[in-house]
Amino acid sequence: MNYILGIGLLYQKYKKNATIRIYIDNNLIETYQLTQNVDPIEVPITIIERIKKKFTWFNRKWFNHPVTMQNKCKIPKFLKLIEIEEEKLTGEVRIEVDNDDSNYTNGFMSKSSLIEPNFFILCPKELLKNNGQFFFEFQENLYKKLVSKIEKRYGGHFVNWSEKPRPQWPIPQYFDIVLDRNNKINKIRKDSEKQELWYQRNGTYRNNWENCNFITKWIDLFKKHGTLTDPYVLPYFVQHPQYIGGSFHITFNINKKNKIYFLDAYNLTSGAIIVSMQTFSFAHYFSHKYK
């Protein structure tokens, strides 16, 4: 069985092209450049409504907020899609981004090329047939099984269920951006700033995140991996995006759940799977390539 590995980076170019190198198990499998700006697909409301109509059990409160839905479905107009034999999926996937392009002089900088890491996917090619219908059915069946259990346990509310550390498939939403240690511009100056960069909570969470169980679980995870106080490691959440200047790399472990390989930044293989809304916009715009 063959798999599709996809990389999608939103890009604002300054002068030089950004170079991306993709490794699997330390073997270089692809090199390409971003030569012009890469903007997101502006998913129209008509497509959002078409996606919503495919679900009955999967129905979140933000389904009635078109702008929120558009943000959750956002993917780049350009995706690097690579077909890979299953036998080669061992070890880890590492994406190296060479993007040292700015007017930095004597400690000052006003312009640079910027990248927003937005989209990564690893899934069997077979699942992309029929316009990715498998993903819609999988999500619907998942919620059909889980909704009653979760609502009963938490009194009718999901209580940030999807934000806790869980397996994310086929598109990871949480991962570490490891900034280039040779570029001092990249360094996150204070740990408090680093935490604020990742959490970027709304007013409810911004002032009292210590009391939020799901954030505590993530902090414990970062401590376990030894990254919480590392000024060059930025824990990143796709749904709270930011543009990154300078070079960096992102590493995903290649793990398996339910006999399917997936990208896993933190070795989260237990618990119910989180399916990103990006999955459904990807199915709509790109799955026709694999009919």
C-alpha atoms as a PDB file:
ATOM      1  CA  MET A   1       0.000   0.000   0.000  1.00  0.00           C
ATOM      2  CA  ASN A   2       1.298   3.437  -0.933  1.00  0.00           C
ATOM      3  CA  TYR A   3       0.974   6.554   1.203  1.00  0.00           C
ATOM      4  CA  ILE A   4       0.716  10.259   0.429  1.00  0.00           C
ATOM      5  CA  LEU A   5       2.988  12.615   2.372  1.00  0.00           C
ATOM      6  CA  GLY A   6       1.951  16.251   2.043  1.00  0.00           C
ATOM      7  CA  ILE A   7       3.657  19.480   3.109  1.00  0.00           C
ATOM      8  CA  GLY A   8       1.934  22.882   3.011  1.00  0.00           C
ATOM      9  CA  LEU A   9       3.659  26.117   4.069  1.00  0.00           C
ATOM     10  CA  LEU A  10       2.141  29.580   3.767  1.00  0.00           C
ATOM     11  CA  TYR A  11       4.878  31.899   2.539  1.00  0.00           C
ATOM     12  CA  GLN A  12       5.577  35.627   2.326  1.00  0.00           C
ATOM     13  CA  LYS A  13       8.699  36.151   0.224  1.00  0.00           C
ATOM     14  CA  TYR A  14      11.218  38.942   0.777  1.00  0.00           C
ATOM     15  CA  LYS A  15      14.107  38.375  -1.675  1.00  0.00           C
ATOM     16  CA  LYS A  16      15.521  34.837  -1.621  1.00  0.00           C
ATOM     17  CA  ASN A  17      13.707  31.577  -2.306  1.00  0.00           C
ATOM     18  CA  ALA A  18      13.064  29.343   0.685  1.00  0.00           C
ATOM     19  CA  THR A  19      14.447  25.801   0.370  1.00  0.00           C
ATOM     20  CA  ILE A  20      12.636  22.833   1.904  1.00  0.00           C
ATOM     21  CA  ARG A  21      14.244  19.428   2.409  1.00  0.00           C
ATOM     22  CA  ILE A  22      12.241  16.379   3.437  1.00  0.00           C
ATOM     23  CA  TYR A  23      13.872  13.382   5.113  1.00  0.00           C
ATOM     24  CA  ILE A  24      12.516   9.997   6.120  1.00  0.00           C
ATOM     25  CA  ASP A  25      14.651   8.055   8.564  1.00  0.00           C
ATOM     26  CA  ASN A  26      17.547  10.476   7.788  1.00  0.00           C
ATOM     27  CA  ASN A  27      17.300   9.770   4.048  1.00  0.00           C
ATOM     28  CA  LEU A  28      16.674  12.805   1.844  1.00  0.00           C
ATOM     29  CA  ILE A  29      13.612  12.079  -0.303  1.00  0.00           C
ATOM     30  CA  GLU A  30      12.726  15.503  -1.700  1.00  0.00           C
ATOM     31  CA  THR A  31      14.094  19.035  -2.076  1.00  0.00           C
ATOM     32  CA  TYR A  32      12.083  21.921  -3.430  1.00  0.00           C
ATOM     33  CA  GLN A  33      11.928  25.717  -3.274  1.00  0.00           C
ATOM     34  CA  LEU A  34       9.233  28.271  -2.616  1.00  0.00           C
ATOM     35  CA  THR A  35       9.786  30.874  -5.329  1.00  0.00           C
ATOM     36  CA  GLN A  36       6.733  33.065  -4.776  1.00  0.00           C
ATOM     37  CA  ASN A  37       4.150  33.840  -2.122  1.00  0.00           C
ATOM     38  CA  VAL A  38       1.940  30.946  -1.054  1.00  0.00           C
ATOM     39  CA  ASP A  39      -1.479  32.124   0.106  1.00  0.00           C
ATOM     40  CA  PRO A  40      -4.272  30.100   1.728  1.00  0.00           C
ATOM     41  CA  ILE A  41      -7.274  28.842  -0.188  1.00  0.00           C
ATOM     42  CA  GLU A  42     -10.203  31.068   0.632  1.00  0.00           C
ATOM     43  CA  VAL A  43     -12.775  28.342   1.221  1.00  0.00           C
ATOM     44  CA  PRO A  44     -16.138  29.837   0.168  1.00  0.00           C
ATOM     45  CA  ILE A  45     -19.200  29.556   2.369  1.00  0.00           C
ATOM     46  CA  THR A  46     -20.851  27.316  -0.232  1.00  0.00           C
ATOM     47  CA  ILE A  47     -18.099  24.715   0.242  1.00  0.00           C
ATOM     48  CA  ILE A  48     -18.295  25.098   4.031  1.00  0.00           C
ATOM     49  CA  GLU A  49     -22.020  24.354   3.856  1.00  0.00           C
ATOM     50  CA  ARG A  50     -21.386  21.355   1.611  1.00  0.00           C
ATOM     51  CA  ILE A  51     -18.919  19.958   4.159  1.00  0.00           C
ATOM     52  CA  LYS A  52     -21.315  20.543   7.070  1.00  0.00           C
ATOM     53  CA  LYS A  53     -24.147  18.698   5.326  1.00  0.00           C
ATOM     54  CA  LYS A  54     -22.090  15.516   5.276  1.00  0.00           C
ATOM     55  CA  PHE A  55     -22.332  15.268   9.061  1.00  0.00           C
ATOM     56  CA  THR A  56     -25.071  14.539  11.558  1.00  0.00           C
ATOM     57  CA  TRP A  57     -23.322  13.395  14.729  1.00  0.00           C
ATOM     58  CA  PHE A  58     -20.261  15.553  14.177  1.00  0.00           C
ATOM     59  CA  ASN A  59     -21.718  18.964  14.957  1.00  0.00           C
ATOM     60  CA  ARG A  60     -19.792  21.529  17.006  1.00  0.00           C
ATOM     61  CA  LYS A  61     -21.008  24.907  18.222  1.00  0.00           C
ATOM     62  CA  TRP A  62     -18.645  26.741  15.859  1.00  0.00           C
ATOM     63  CA  PHE A  63     -20.386  25.147  12.858  1.00  0.00           C
ATOM     64  CA  ASN A  64     -22.671  28.185  12.936  1.00  0.00           C
ATOM     65  CA  HIS A  65     -19.766  30.627  12.670  1.00  0.00           C
ATOM     66  CA  PRO A  66     -18.649  30.751   9.014  1.00  0.00           C
ATOM     67  CA  VAL A  67     -15.445  32.704   9.700  1.00  0.00           C
ATOM     68  CA  THR A  68     -14.352  30.181  12.354  1.00  0.00           C
ATOM     69  CA  MET A  69     -15.132  27.324   9.982  1.00  0.00           C
ATOM     70  CA  GLN A  70     -13.102  28.984   7.226  1.00  0.00           C
ATOM     71  CA  ASN A  71     -10.131  29.407   9.566  1.00  0.00           C
ATOM     72  CA  LYS A  72     -10.292  25.775  10.672  1.00  0.00           C
ATOM     73  CA  CYS A  73     -10.477  24.607   7.043  1.00  0.00           C
ATOM     74  CA  LYS A  74      -7.610  26.834   5.874  1.00  0.00           C
ATOM     75  CA  ILE A  75      -4.939  25.123   3.777  1.00  0.00           C
ATOM     76  CA  PRO A  76      -2.305  26.498   1.358  1.00  0.00           C
ATOM     77  CA  LYS A  77      -3.011  26.805  -2.345  1.00  0.00           C
ATOM     78  CA  PHE A  78       0.224  24.901  -2.990  1.00  0.00           C
ATOM     79  CA  LEU A  79       0.910  21.534  -1.358  1.00  0.00           C
ATOM     80  CA  LYS A  80       3.954  19.366  -1.971  1.00  0.00           C
ATOM     81  CA  LEU A  81       2.471  15.866  -2.304  1.00  0.00           C
ATOM     82  CA  ILE A  82       4.786  12.858  -2.425  1.00  0.00           C
ATOM     83  CA  GLU A  83       3.789   9.233  -2.975  1.00  0.00           C
ATOM     84  CA  ILE A  84       5.750   6.830  -0.773  1.00  0.00           C
ATOM     85  CA  GLU A  85       5.816   3.046  -0.498  1.00  0.00           C
ATOM     86  CA  GLU A  86       4.677   1.768   2.881  1.00  0.00           C
ATOM     87  CA  GLU A  87       7.909  -0.167   3.360  1.00  0.00           C
ATOM     88  CA  LYS A  88       9.860   3.116   3.468  1.00  0.00           C
ATOM     89  CA  LEU A  89       7.837   4.571   6.339  1.00  0.00           C
ATOM     90  CA  THR A  90      10.241   4.000   9.206  1.00  0.00           C
ATOM     91  CA  GLY A  91      11.728   6.199  11.893  1.00  0.00           C
ATOM     92  CA  GLU A  92      10.703   9.803  11.482  1.00  0.00           C
ATOM     93  CA  VAL A  93       9.876  12.519   8.979  1.00  0.00           C
ATOM     94  CA  ARG A  94      11.960  15.690   9.253  1.00  0.00           C
ATOM     95  CA  ILE A  95      11.148  18.860   7.340  1.00  0.00           C
ATOM     96  CA  GLU A  96      14.041  21.313   7.147  1.00  0.00           C
ATOM     97  CA  VAL A  97      13.258  24.884   6.102  1.00  0.00           C
ATOM     98  CA  ASP A  98      16.146  27.103   4.940  1.00  0.00           C
ATOM     99  CA  ASN A  99      14.727  30.619   5.070  1.00  0.00           C
ATOM    100  CA  ASP A 100      17.500  32.990   6.220  1.00  0.00           C
ATOM    101  CA  ASP A 101      16.310  35.978   4.222  1.00  0.00           C
ATOM    102  CA  SER A 102      16.086  39.400   5.869  1.00  0.00           C
ATOM    103  CA  ASN A 103      17.619  42.873   5.984  1.00  0.00           C
ATOM    104  CA  TYR A 104      19.085  42.192   9.438  1.00  0.00           C
ATOM    105  CA  THR A 105      21.911  44.633  10.201  1.00  0.00           C
ATOM    106  CA  ASN A 106      23.580  45.377  13.546  1.00  0.00           C
ATOM    107  CA  GLY A 107      20.700  44.010  15.581  1.00  0.00           C
ATOM    108  CA  PHE A 108      17.934  45.667  13.561  1.00  0.00           C
ATOM    109  CA  MET A 109      15.539  44.095  11.091  1.00  0.00           C
ATOM    110  CA  SER A 110      12.416  45.407   9.369  1.00  0.00           C
ATOM    111  CA  LYS A 111      11.903  42.951   6.491  1.00  0.00           C
ATOM    112  CA  SER A 112      12.210  39.182   6.105  1.00  0.00           C
ATOM    113  CA  SER A 113      10.691  36.174   4.386  1.00  0.00           C
ATOM    114  CA  LEU A 114       8.081  34.579   6.619  1.00  0.00           C
ATOM    115  CA  ILE A 115       6.567  31.096   6.770  1.00  0.00           C
ATOM    116  CA  GLU A 116       3.470  29.809   8.538  1.00  0.00           C
ATOM    117  CA  PRO A 117       3.666  26.009   9.006  1.00  0.00           C
ATOM    118  CA  ASN A 118       0.085  25.115   8.178  1.00  0.00           C
ATOM    119  CA  PHE A 119      -0.392  21.648   6.731  1.00  0.00           C
ATOM    120  CA  PHE A 120       1.203  18.206   7.072  1.00  0.00           C
ATOM    121  CA  ILE A 121      -0.428  14.904   6.176  1.00  0.00           C
ATOM    122  CA  LEU A 122       0.436  11.218   5.939  1.00  0.00           C
ATOM    123  CA  CYS A 123      -2.318   8.827   4.871  1.00  0.00           C
ATOM    124  CA  PRO A 124      -2.883   5.810   2.628  1.00  0.00           C
ATOM    125  CA  LYS A 125      -3.427   6.824  -0.974  1.00  0.00           C
ATOM    126  CA  GLU A 126      -6.393   4.459  -1.125  1.00  0.00           C
ATOM    127  CA  LEU A 127      -8.339   6.600   1.365  1.00  0.00           C
ATOM    128  CA  LEU A 128      -8.304   9.596  -0.983  1.00  0.00           C
ATOM    129  CA  LYS A 129     -10.492   7.889  -3.560  1.00  0.00           C
ATOM    130  CA  ASN A 130     -14.146   8.909  -3.994  1.00  0.00           C
ATOM    131  CA  ASN A 131     -13.280  12.502  -3.056  1.00  0.00           C
ATOM    132  CA  GLY A 132     -11.976  11.420   0.331  1.00  0.00           C
ATOM    133  CA  GLN A 133     -15.365  10.075   1.403  1.00  0.00           C
ATOM    134  CA  PHE A 134     -13.628   7.767   3.894  1.00  0.00           C
ATOM    135  CA  PHE A 135     -12.613  10.723   6.085  1.00  0.00           C
ATOM    136  CA  PHE A 136     -16.156  12.042   6.316  1.00  0.00           C
ATOM    137  CA  GLU A 137     -17.521   8.613   7.222  1.00  0.00           C
ATOM    138  CA  PHE A 138     -14.732   8.020   9.737  1.00  0.00           C
ATOM    139  CA  GLN A 139     -15.415  11.318  11.524  1.00  0.00           C
ATOM    140  CA  GLU A 140     -19.167  10.716  11.584  1.00  0.00           C
ATOM    141  CA  ASN A 141     -18.773   7.196  13.010  1.00  0.00           C
ATOM    142  CA  LEU A 142     -16.215   8.403  15.552  1.00  0.00           C
ATOM    143  CA  TYR A 143     -18.583  11.030  16.926  1.00  0.00           C
ATOM    144  CA  LYS A 144     -21.533   8.672  16.834  1.00  0.00           C
ATOM    145  CA  LYS A 145     -19.632   6.440  19.267  1.00  0.00           C
ATOM    146  CA  LEU A 146     -18.144   9.176  21.435  1.00  0.00           C
ATOM    147  CA  VAL A 147     -20.660  11.991  21.730  1.00  0.00           C
ATOM    148  CA  SER A 148     -23.044  10.266  24.151  1.00  0.00           C
ATOM    149  CA  LYS A 149     -20.176   9.008  26.303  1.00  0.00           C
ATOM    150  CA  ILE A 150     -18.437  12.396  26.540  1.00  0.00           C
ATOM    151  CA  GLU A 151     -21.605  14.393  27.067  1.00  0.00           C
ATOM    152  CA  LYS A 152     -22.751  12.017  29.787  1.00  0.00           C
ATOM    153  CA  ARG A 153     -19.420  12.218  31.584  1.00  0.00           C
ATOM    154  CA  TYR A 154     -19.072  16.004  31.392  1.00  0.00           C
ATOM    155  CA  GLY A 155     -22.697  17.056  31.728  1.00  0.00           C
ATOM    156  CA  GLY A 156     -23.363  17.874  28.101  1.00  0.00           C
ATOM    157  CA  HIS A 157     -20.125  19.699  27.285  1.00  0.00           C
ATOM    158  CA  PHE A 158     -16.958  18.627  25.523  1.00  0.00           C
ATOM    159  CA  VAL A 159     -14.742  20.495  28.021  1.00  0.00           C
ATOM    160  CA  ASN A 160     -11.848  21.109  25.628  1.00  0.00           C
ATOM    161  CA  TRP A 161     -11.784  17.390  24.873  1.00  0.00           C
ATOM    162  CA  SER A 162     -10.200  17.917  21.465  1.00  0.00           C
ATOM    163  CA  GLU A 163      -7.433  20.165  22.828  1.00  0.00           C
ATOM    164  CA  LYS A 164      -5.975  17.601  25.201  1.00  0.00           C
ATOM    165  CA  PRO A 165      -2.943  15.543  24.080  1.00  0.00           C
ATOM    166  CA  ARG A 166      -4.388  12.880  21.767  1.00  0.00           C
ATOM    167  CA  PRO A 167      -3.474  11.169  18.484  1.00  0.00           C
ATOM    168  CA  GLN A 168      -4.077  13.479  15.520  1.00  0.00           C
ATOM    169  CA  TRP A 169      -4.829  11.863  12.173  1.00  0.00           C
ATOM    170  CA  PRO A 170      -4.317  12.255   9.275  1.00  0.00           C
ATOM    171  CA  ILE A 171      -3.186  15.856   9.867  1.00  0.00           C
ATOM    172  CA  PRO A 172      -1.216  16.737  13.027  1.00  0.00           C
ATOM    173  CA  GLN A 173      -2.227  20.016  14.639  1.00  0.00           C
ATOM    174  CA  TYR A 174       0.391  20.114  17.400  1.00  0.00           C
ATOM    175  CA  PHE A 175       4.159  19.881  16.909  1.00  0.00           C
ATOM    176  CA  ASP A 176       7.475  21.524  17.829  1.00  0.00           C
ATOM    177  CA  ILE A 177       9.170  24.080  15.622  1.00  0.00           C
ATOM    178  CA  VAL A 178      12.905  23.854  16.313  1.00  0.00           C
ATOM    179  CA  LEU A 179      14.442  27.201  15.462  1.00  0.00           C
ATOM    180  CA  ASP A 180      17.916  27.531  13.954  1.00  0.00           C
ATOM    181  CA  ARG A 181      20.350  27.890  16.845  1.00  0.00           C
ATOM    182  CA  ASN A 182      22.872  29.670  14.616  1.00  0.00           C
ATOM    183  CA  ASN A 183      20.446  32.525  14.005  1.00  0.00           C
ATOM    184  CA  LYS A 184      20.056  34.659  17.131  1.00  0.00           C
ATOM    185  CA  ILE A 185      17.028  36.390  15.676  1.00  0.00           C
ATOM    186  CA  ASN A 186      15.099  33.155  16.075  1.00  0.00           C
ATOM    187  CA  LYS A 187      15.623  32.719  19.788  1.00  0.00           C
ATOM    188  CA  ILE A 188      12.517  33.027  21.958  1.00  0.00           C
ATOM    189  CA  ARG A 189      13.709  35.477  24.576  1.00  0.00           C
ATOM    190  CA  LYS A 190      11.654  34.495  27.610  1.00  0.00           C
ATOM    191  CA  ASP A 191       9.872  31.328  28.613  1.00  0.00           C
ATOM    192  CA  SER A 192       6.772  33.320  29.558  1.00  0.00           C
ATOM    193  CA  GLU A 193       6.680  34.734  26.035  1.00  0.00           C
ATOM    194  CA  LYS A 194       7.127  31.254  24.651  1.00  0.00           C
ATOM    195  CA  GLN A 195       4.147  29.952  26.582  1.00  0.00           C
ATOM    196  CA  GLU A 196       2.066  32.913  25.458  1.00  0.00           C
ATOM    197  CA  LEU A 197       3.097  32.350  21.843  1.00  0.00           C
ATOM    198  CA  TRP A 198       1.829  28.777  21.911  1.00  0.00           C
ATOM    199  CA  TYR A 199      -1.282  29.090  24.031  1.00  0.00           C
ATOM    200  CA  GLN A 200      -2.535  32.399  22.590  1.00  0.00           C
ATOM    201  CA  ARG A 201      -5.696  31.767  24.546  1.00  0.00           C
ATOM    202  CA  ASN A 202      -8.710  34.025  24.350  1.00  0.00           C
ATOM    203  CA  GLY A 203      -9.591  36.185  27.329  1.00  0.00           C
ATOM    204  CA  THR A 204     -11.002  33.278  29.312  1.00  0.00           C
ATOM    205  CA  TYR A 205      -7.795  31.257  29.264  1.00  0.00           C
ATOM    206  CA  ARG A 206      -5.162  33.957  28.841  1.00  0.00           C
ATOM    207  CA  ASN A 207      -5.362  35.120  32.452  1.00  0.00           C
ATOM    208  CA  ASN A 208      -5.864  31.802  34.230  1.00  0.00           C
ATOM    209  CA  TRP A 209      -4.394  29.060  32.077  1.00  0.00           C
ATOM    210  CA  GLU A 210      -2.866  27.414  35.162  1.00  0.00           C
ATOM    211  CA  ASN A 211      -6.380  26.265  36.085  1.00  0.00           C
ATOM    212  CA  CYS A 212      -7.076  24.611  32.739  1.00  0.00           C
ATOM    213  CA  ASN A 213      -6.531  20.872  32.893  1.00  0.00           C
ATOM    214  CA  PHE A 214      -5.776  20.480  29.191  1.00  0.00           C
ATOM    215  CA  ILE A 215      -2.981  23.084  29.342  1.00  0.00           C
ATOM    216  CA  THR A 216      -1.481  21.388  32.393  1.00  0.00           C
ATOM    217  CA  LYS A 217      -1.357  18.126  30.441  1.00  0.00           C
ATOM    218  CA  TRP A 218       0.516  19.841  27.597  1.00  0.00           C
ATOM    219  CA  ILE A 219       2.983  21.460  30.006  1.00  0.00           C
ATOM    220  CA  ASP A 220       3.673  18.077  31.594  1.00  0.00           C
ATOM    221  CA  LEU A 221       4.259  16.661  28.112  1.00  0.00           C
ATOM    222  CA  PHE A 222       6.741  19.424  27.221  1.00  0.00           C
ATOM    223  CA  LYS A 223       8.564  18.880  30.514  1.00  0.00           C
ATOM    224  CA  LYS A 224       8.785  15.159  29.756  1.00  0.00           C
ATOM    225  CA  HIS A 225      10.345  15.915  26.359  1.00  0.00           C
ATOM    226  CA  GLY A 226      12.698  18.504  27.878  1.00  0.00           C
ATOM    227  CA  THR A 227      11.478  21.287  25.587  1.00  0.00           C
ATOM    228  CA  LEU A 228       9.525  23.580  27.909  1.00  0.00           C
ATOM    229  CA  THR A 229      12.495  25.772  28.824  1.00  0.00           C
ATOM    230  CA  ASP A 230      14.439  25.408  25.557  1.00  0.00           C
ATOM    231  CA  PRO A 231      14.455  28.915  23.977  1.00  0.00           C
ATOM    232  CA  TYR A 232      14.808  27.463  20.480  1.00  0.00           C
ATOM    233  CA  VAL A 233      11.830  25.093  20.617  1.00  0.00           C
ATOM    234  CA  LEU A 234       8.407  26.582  19.932  1.00  0.00           C
ATOM    235  CA  PRO A 235       5.448  24.271  20.670  1.00  0.00           C
ATOM    236  CA  TYR A 236       3.041  25.098  17.855  1.00  0.00           C
ATOM    237  CA  PHE A 237      -0.710  24.755  17.369  1.00  0.00           C
ATOM    238  CA  VAL A 238      -1.952  25.164  13.784  1.00  0.00           C
ATOM    239  CA  GLN A 239      -5.262  26.670  14.921  1.00  0.00           C
ATOM    240  CA  HIS A 240      -3.374  29.565  16.577  1.00  0.00           C
ATOM    241  CA  PRO A 241      -0.953  30.313  13.733  1.00  0.00           C
ATOM    242  CA  GLN A 242       1.925  32.718  13.394  1.00  0.00           C
ATOM    243  CA  TYR A 243       4.531  33.450  10.758  1.00  0.00           C
ATOM    244  CA  ILE A 244       8.088  32.331  11.506  1.00  0.00           C
ATOM    245  CA  GLY A 245      11.173  34.176  10.265  1.00  0.00           C
ATOM    246  CA  GLY A 246      14.489  32.423   9.727  1.00  0.00           C
ATOM    247  CA  SER A 247      15.306  28.746   9.325  1.00  0.00           C
ATOM    248  CA  PHE A 248      13.802  25.917  11.355  1.00  0.00           C
ATOM    249  CA  HIS A 249      12.921  22.245  11.240  1.00  0.00           C
ATOM    250  CA  ILE A 250       9.957  20.108  12.283  1.00  0.00           C
ATOM    251  CA  THR A 251      10.160  16.413  13.133  1.00  0.00           C
ATOM    252  CA  PHE A 252       7.359  13.859  13.264  1.00  0.00           C
ATOM    253  CA  ASN A 253       7.639  10.278  14.438  1.00  0.00           C
ATOM    254  CA  ILE A 254       6.088   7.748  12.069  1.00  0.00           C
ATOM    255  CA  ASN A 255       3.747   5.790  14.317  1.00  0.00           C
ATOM    256  CA  LYS A 256       0.943   3.333  13.673  1.00  0.00           C
ATOM    257  CA  LYS A 257      -2.604   3.158  15.039  1.00  0.00           C
ATOM    258  CA  ASN A 258      -5.356   0.871  13.775  1.00  0.00           C
ATOM    259  CA  LYS A 259      -2.846  -0.543  11.254  1.00  0.00           C
ATOM    260  CA  ILE A 260      -2.343   2.870   9.614  1.00  0.00           C
ATOM    261  CA  TYR A 261       0.814   4.989   9.751  1.00  0.00           C
ATOM    262  CA  PHE A 262       0.513   8.621  10.793  1.00  0.00           C
ATOM    263  CA  LEU A 263       2.648  11.647  11.721  1.00  0.00           C
ATOM    264  CA  ASP A 264       3.047  11.968  15.477  1.00  0.00           C
ATOM    265  CA  ALA A 265       5.168  14.723  17.004  1.00  0.00           C
ATOM    266  CA  TYR A 266       4.762  13.610  20.617  1.00  0.00           C
ATOM    267  CA  ASN A 267       4.209   9.828  20.456  1.00  0.00           C
ATOM    268  CA  LEU A 268       0.515  10.161  21.305  1.00  0.00           C
ATOM    269  CA  THR A 269      -0.888   6.797  20.296  1.00  0.00           C
ATOM    270  CA  SER A 270      -3.550   6.190  22.962  1.00  0.00           C
ATOM    271  CA  GLY A 271      -6.998   7.723  23.190  1.00  0.00           C
ATOM    272  CA  ALA A 272      -9.614   8.801  20.674  1.00  0.00           C
ATOM    273  CA  ILE A 273      -8.320  10.305  17.433  1.00  0.00           C
ATOM    274  CA  ILE A 274      -8.674  13.990  16.601  1.00  0.00           C
ATOM    275  CA  VAL A 275      -9.528  14.694  12.948  1.00  0.00           C
ATOM    276  CA  SER A 276      -8.703  18.231  11.812  1.00  0.00           C
ATOM    277  CA  MET A 277     -11.192  20.213   9.718  1.00  0.00           C
ATOM    278  CA  GLN A 278      -8.309  20.697   7.274  1.00  0.00           C
ATOM    279  CA  THR A 279      -8.836  17.047   6.359  1.00  0.00           C
ATOM    280  CA  PHE A 280     -12.147  17.839   4.718  1.00  0.00           C
ATOM    281  CA  SER A 281     -10.960  20.883   2.769  1.00  0.00           C
ATOM    282  CA  PHE A 282      -7.989  18.805   1.594  1.00  0.00           C
ATOM    283  CA  ALA A 283     -10.389  16.076   0.479  1.00  0.00           C
ATOM    284  CA  HIS A 284     -12.468  18.633  -1.408  1.00  0.00           C
ATOM    285  CA  TYR A 285      -9.618  20.413  -3.192  1.00  0.00           C
ATOM    286  CA  PHE A 286      -6.931  17.753  -3.678  1.00  0.00           C
ATOM    287  CA  SER A 287      -8.328  14.210  -3.436  1.00  0.00           C
ATOM    288  CA  HIS A 288      -9.394  14.255  -7.113  1.00  0.00           C
ATOM    289  CA  LYS A 289      -5.710  13.742  -7.945  1.00  0.00           C
ATOM    290  CA  TYR A 290      -6.029  10.178  -6.646  1.00  0.00           C
ATOM    291  CA  LYS A 291      -9.246   8.877  -8.199  1.00  0.00           C
END
